[in-house]
């Protein structure tokens, strides 16, 4: 269930065959790491697009980031009612709202704010991934 949702979202967000191979070999926690990294990369690229006044490219990249965050949010296990899942859900909703505003206003500071939020949480997921957390022992959030 978790893997298929994340894989579907990842396929939607990425079209690189080498990346797809990495995704299909990743653990659920590894997928979360890849999604965070992909969102951060897209935000950075959106910022460069704003600076270059390539607004169509900026819109595509912000939409890609929103899609990734939405995929992360949809994959949360809110049925368990854990604080971690509920807090992440709220944070993902907030990030999506902020990205929508950044897209409308071409606001680099809002993009940076969302990137910092993702970069703050990413190390925890990377550590879980390094510790070899398996599909059966994933965080109660997912």
C-alpha atoms as a PDB file:
ATOM      1  CA  UNK A   1       0.000   0.000   0.000  1.00  0.00           C
ATOM      2  CA  UNK A   2       2.656   2.531   1.003  1.00  0.00           C
ATOM      3  CA  UNK A   3       5.033   1.592  -1.770  1.00  0.00           C
ATOM      4  CA  UNK A   4       2.450   1.719  -4.539  1.00  0.00           C
ATOM      5  CA  UNK A   5       1.245   5.194  -3.524  1.00  0.00           C
ATOM      6  CA  UNK A   6       4.761   6.540  -3.258  1.00  0.00           C
ATOM      7  CA  UNK A   7       5.881   4.865  -6.475  1.00  0.00           C
ATOM      8  CA  UNK A   8       2.902   6.294  -8.338  1.00  0.00           C
ATOM      9  CA  UNK A   9       3.703   9.775  -7.033  1.00  0.00           C
ATOM     10  CA  UNK A  10       7.369   9.371  -7.840  1.00  0.00           C
ATOM     11  CA  UNK A  11       6.632   8.234 -11.401  1.00  0.00           C
ATOM     12  CA  UNK A  12       4.444  11.292 -11.808  1.00  0.00           C
ATOM     13  CA  UNK A  13       7.176  13.591 -10.525  1.00  0.00           C
ATOM     14  CA  UNK A  14      10.144  12.020 -12.343  1.00  0.00           C
ATOM     15  CA  UNK A  15      10.756  10.573 -15.780  1.00  0.00           C
ATOM     16  CA  UNK A  16      14.429   9.594 -15.500  1.00  0.00           C
ATOM     17  CA  UNK A  17      14.927   5.838 -16.026  1.00  0.00           C
ATOM     18  CA  UNK A  18      17.959   5.637 -13.713  1.00  0.00           C
ATOM     19  CA  UNK A  19      16.014   7.390 -10.981  1.00  0.00           C
ATOM     20  CA  UNK A  20      13.063   5.047 -11.476  1.00  0.00           C
ATOM     21  CA  UNK A  21      15.422   2.110 -10.984  1.00  0.00           C
ATOM     22  CA  UNK A  22      16.623   3.625  -7.702  1.00  0.00           C
ATOM     23  CA  UNK A  23      13.036   4.197  -6.609  1.00  0.00           C
ATOM     24  CA  UNK A  24      11.944   0.635  -7.265  1.00  0.00           C
ATOM     25  CA  UNK A  25      14.892  -0.657  -5.234  1.00  0.00           C
ATOM     26  CA  UNK A  26      14.310   1.676  -2.292  1.00  0.00           C
ATOM     27  CA  UNK A  27      12.716   0.882   1.040  1.00  0.00           C
ATOM     28  CA  UNK A  28       9.651   2.901   2.102  1.00  0.00           C
ATOM     29  CA  UNK A  29      11.895   5.156   4.194  1.00  0.00           C
ATOM     30  CA  UNK A  30      14.307   5.402   1.261  1.00  0.00           C
ATOM     31  CA  UNK A  31      11.402   6.563  -0.904  1.00  0.00           C
ATOM     32  CA  UNK A  32      10.600   9.291   1.605  1.00  0.00           C
ATOM     33  CA  UNK A  33      14.234  10.426   1.449  1.00  0.00           C
ATOM     34  CA  UNK A  34      14.140  10.486  -2.357  1.00  0.00           C
ATOM     35  CA  UNK A  35      10.894  12.441  -2.349  1.00  0.00           C
ATOM     36  CA  UNK A  36      12.281  15.033   0.074  1.00  0.00           C
ATOM     37  CA  UNK A  37      15.428  15.370  -2.023  1.00  0.00           C
ATOM     38  CA  UNK A  38      13.348  15.720  -5.188  1.00  0.00           C
ATOM     39  CA  UNK A  39      11.177  18.422  -3.621  1.00  0.00           C
ATOM     40  CA  UNK A  40      14.238  20.369  -2.460  1.00  0.00           C
ATOM     41  CA  UNK A  41      15.812  20.115  -5.908  1.00  0.00           C
ATOM     42  CA  UNK A  42      12.613  21.314  -7.606  1.00  0.00           C
ATOM     43  CA  UNK A  43      12.327  24.271  -5.204  1.00  0.00           C
ATOM     44  CA  UNK A  44      15.927  25.265  -5.925  1.00  0.00           C
ATOM     45  CA  UNK A  45      15.296  25.063  -9.659  1.00  0.00           C
ATOM     46  CA  UNK A  46      12.085  27.090  -9.290  1.00  0.00           C
ATOM     47  CA  UNK A  47      14.092  29.804  -7.574  1.00  0.00           C
ATOM     48  CA  UNK A  48      16.562  29.900 -10.456  1.00  0.00           C
ATOM     49  CA  UNK A  49      13.651  30.060 -12.908  1.00  0.00           C
ATOM     50  CA  UNK A  50      12.194  33.077 -11.079  1.00  0.00           C
ATOM     51  CA  UNK A  51      15.560  34.818 -11.175  1.00  0.00           C
ATOM     52  CA  UNK A  52      15.779  34.129 -14.928  1.00  0.00           C
ATOM     53  CA  UNK A  53      12.170  35.304 -15.400  1.00  0.00           C
ATOM     54  CA  UNK A  54      11.188  31.901 -16.821  1.00  0.00           C
ATOM     55  CA  UNK A  55       7.803  31.872 -15.147  1.00  0.00           C
ATOM     56  CA  UNK A  56       6.381  28.934 -17.073  1.00  0.00           C
ATOM     57  CA  UNK A  57       9.300  26.799 -15.873  1.00  0.00           C
ATOM     58  CA  UNK A  58       8.868  28.146 -12.326  1.00  0.00           C
ATOM     59  CA  UNK A  59       5.188  27.192 -12.366  1.00  0.00           C
ATOM     60  CA  UNK A  60       6.012  23.662 -13.564  1.00  0.00           C
ATOM     61  CA  UNK A  61       8.637  23.200 -10.854  1.00  0.00           C
ATOM     62  CA  UNK A  62       6.458  24.555  -8.056  1.00  0.00           C
ATOM     63  CA  UNK A  63       3.654  22.261  -9.224  1.00  0.00           C
ATOM     64  CA  UNK A  64       6.100  19.352  -9.204  1.00  0.00           C
ATOM     65  CA  UNK A  65       7.068  20.205  -5.623  1.00  0.00           C
ATOM     66  CA  UNK A  66       3.418  20.426  -4.582  1.00  0.00           C
ATOM     67  CA  UNK A  67       2.791  17.039  -6.216  1.00  0.00           C
ATOM     68  CA  UNK A  68       5.675  15.500  -4.289  1.00  0.00           C
ATOM     69  CA  UNK A  69       4.507  16.975  -0.989  1.00  0.00           C
ATOM     70  CA  UNK A  70       0.963  15.854  -1.740  1.00  0.00           C
ATOM     71  CA  UNK A  71       2.257  12.336  -2.353  1.00  0.00           C
ATOM     72  CA  UNK A  72       4.036  12.398   0.991  1.00  0.00           C
ATOM     73  CA  UNK A  73       0.873  13.641   2.688  1.00  0.00           C
ATOM     74  CA  UNK A  74      -1.355  11.036   1.044  1.00  0.00           C
ATOM     75  CA  UNK A  75       1.011   8.289   2.171  1.00  0.00           C
ATOM     76  CA  UNK A  76       0.716   9.199   5.851  1.00  0.00           C
ATOM     77  CA  UNK A  77      -1.026   6.670   8.055  1.00  0.00           C
ATOM     78  CA  UNK A  78      -3.501   8.985   9.759  1.00  0.00           C
ATOM     79  CA  UNK A  79      -5.673   6.039  10.875  1.00  0.00           C
ATOM     80  CA  UNK A  80      -3.234   5.271  13.680  1.00  0.00           C
ATOM     81  CA  UNK A  81      -3.666   8.798  14.962  1.00  0.00           C
ATOM     82  CA  UNK A  82       0.003   9.230  15.844  1.00  0.00           C
ATOM     83  CA  UNK A  83       1.267  12.689  16.689  1.00  0.00           C
ATOM     84  CA  UNK A  84       4.033  12.313  14.107  1.00  0.00           C
ATOM     85  CA  UNK A  85       1.583  11.577  11.273  1.00  0.00           C
ATOM     86  CA  UNK A  86      -0.779  14.360  12.301  1.00  0.00           C
ATOM     87  CA  UNK A  87       2.044  16.879  12.648  1.00  0.00           C
ATOM     88  CA  UNK A  88       3.506  15.937   9.278  1.00  0.00           C
ATOM     89  CA  UNK A  89       0.053  16.174   7.697  1.00  0.00           C
ATOM     90  CA  UNK A  90      -0.368  19.708   9.040  1.00  0.00           C
ATOM     91  CA  UNK A  91       3.132  20.666   7.932  1.00  0.00           C
ATOM     92  CA  UNK A  92       2.591  19.302   4.407  1.00  0.00           C
ATOM     93  CA  UNK A  93      -0.678  21.250   4.102  1.00  0.00           C
ATOM     94  CA  UNK A  94       1.124  24.390   5.268  1.00  0.00           C
ATOM     95  CA  UNK A  95       3.958  23.866   2.770  1.00  0.00           C
ATOM     96  CA  UNK A  96       1.503  23.367  -0.096  1.00  0.00           C
ATOM     97  CA  UNK A  97      -0.291  26.596   0.825  1.00  0.00           C
ATOM     98  CA  UNK A  98       2.975  28.514   1.030  1.00  0.00           C
ATOM     99  CA  UNK A  99       4.142  27.114  -2.306  1.00  0.00           C
ATOM    100  CA  UNK A 100       0.886  28.214  -3.942  1.00  0.00           C
ATOM    101  CA  UNK A 101       1.483  31.760  -2.674  1.00  0.00           C
ATOM    102  CA  UNK A 102       5.119  31.651  -3.801  1.00  0.00           C
ATOM    103  CA  UNK A 103       3.967  30.558  -7.232  1.00  0.00           C
ATOM    104  CA  UNK A 104       1.462  33.412  -7.515  1.00  0.00           C
ATOM    105  CA  UNK A 105       3.852  36.077  -6.220  1.00  0.00           C
ATOM    106  CA  UNK A 106       7.157  34.704  -7.575  1.00  0.00           C
ATOM    107  CA  UNK A 107       8.355  34.900  -3.985  1.00  0.00           C
ATOM    108  CA  UNK A 108      11.867  33.565  -3.454  1.00  0.00           C
ATOM    109  CA  UNK A 109      11.646  33.965   0.331  1.00  0.00           C
ATOM    110  CA  UNK A 110       8.641  31.649   0.580  1.00  0.00           C
ATOM    111  CA  UNK A 111      10.423  29.083  -1.593  1.00  0.00           C
ATOM    112  CA  UNK A 112      13.397  29.328   0.766  1.00  0.00           C
ATOM    113  CA  UNK A 113      11.106  28.909   3.791  1.00  0.00           C
ATOM    114  CA  UNK A 114       9.620  25.669   2.418  1.00  0.00           C
ATOM    115  CA  UNK A 115      13.064  24.424   1.390  1.00  0.00           C
ATOM    116  CA  UNK A 116      14.342  25.045   4.952  1.00  0.00           C
ATOM    117  CA  UNK A 117      11.404  23.098   6.385  1.00  0.00           C
ATOM    118  CA  UNK A 118      12.158  20.146   4.123  1.00  0.00           C
ATOM    119  CA  UNK A 119      15.887  20.371   4.868  1.00  0.00           C
ATOM    120  CA  UNK A 120      15.167  20.406   8.603  1.00  0.00           C
ATOM    121  CA  UNK A 121      13.187  17.162   8.457  1.00  0.00           C
ATOM    122  CA  UNK A 122      15.247  15.354   5.792  1.00  0.00           C
ATOM    123  CA  UNK A 123      18.180  14.369   8.081  1.00  0.00           C
ATOM    124  CA  UNK A 124      15.833  12.431  10.362  1.00  0.00           C
ATOM    125  CA  UNK A 125      14.560  10.402   7.403  1.00  0.00           C
ATOM    126  CA  UNK A 126      18.112   9.908   6.137  1.00  0.00           C
ATOM    127  CA  UNK A 127      19.150   8.579   9.547  1.00  0.00           C
ATOM    128  CA  UNK A 128      16.187   6.189   9.607  1.00  0.00           C
ATOM    129  CA  UNK A 129      17.158   5.025   6.142  1.00  0.00           C
ATOM    130  CA  UNK A 130      20.816   4.524   7.163  1.00  0.00           C
ATOM    131  CA  UNK A 131      19.773   2.568  10.223  1.00  0.00           C
ATOM    132  CA  UNK A 132      18.148   0.074   7.869  1.00  0.00           C
ATOM    133  CA  UNK A 133      14.573   0.537   8.953  1.00  0.00           C
ATOM    134  CA  UNK A 134      12.645  -2.127   7.055  1.00  0.00           C
ATOM    135  CA  UNK A 135       9.145  -1.991   5.605  1.00  0.00           C
ATOM    136  CA  UNK A 136       7.776  -3.782   8.647  1.00  0.00           C
ATOM    137  CA  UNK A 137       9.253  -1.303  11.067  1.00  0.00           C
ATOM    138  CA  UNK A 138       8.683   2.013   9.309  1.00  0.00           C
ATOM    139  CA  UNK A 139       7.765   5.052  11.304  1.00  0.00           C
ATOM    140  CA  UNK A 140       4.240   5.191  12.618  1.00  0.00           C
ATOM    141  CA  UNK A 141       3.749   8.229  10.380  1.00  0.00           C
ATOM    142  CA  UNK A 142       3.769   6.106   7.208  1.00  0.00           C
END
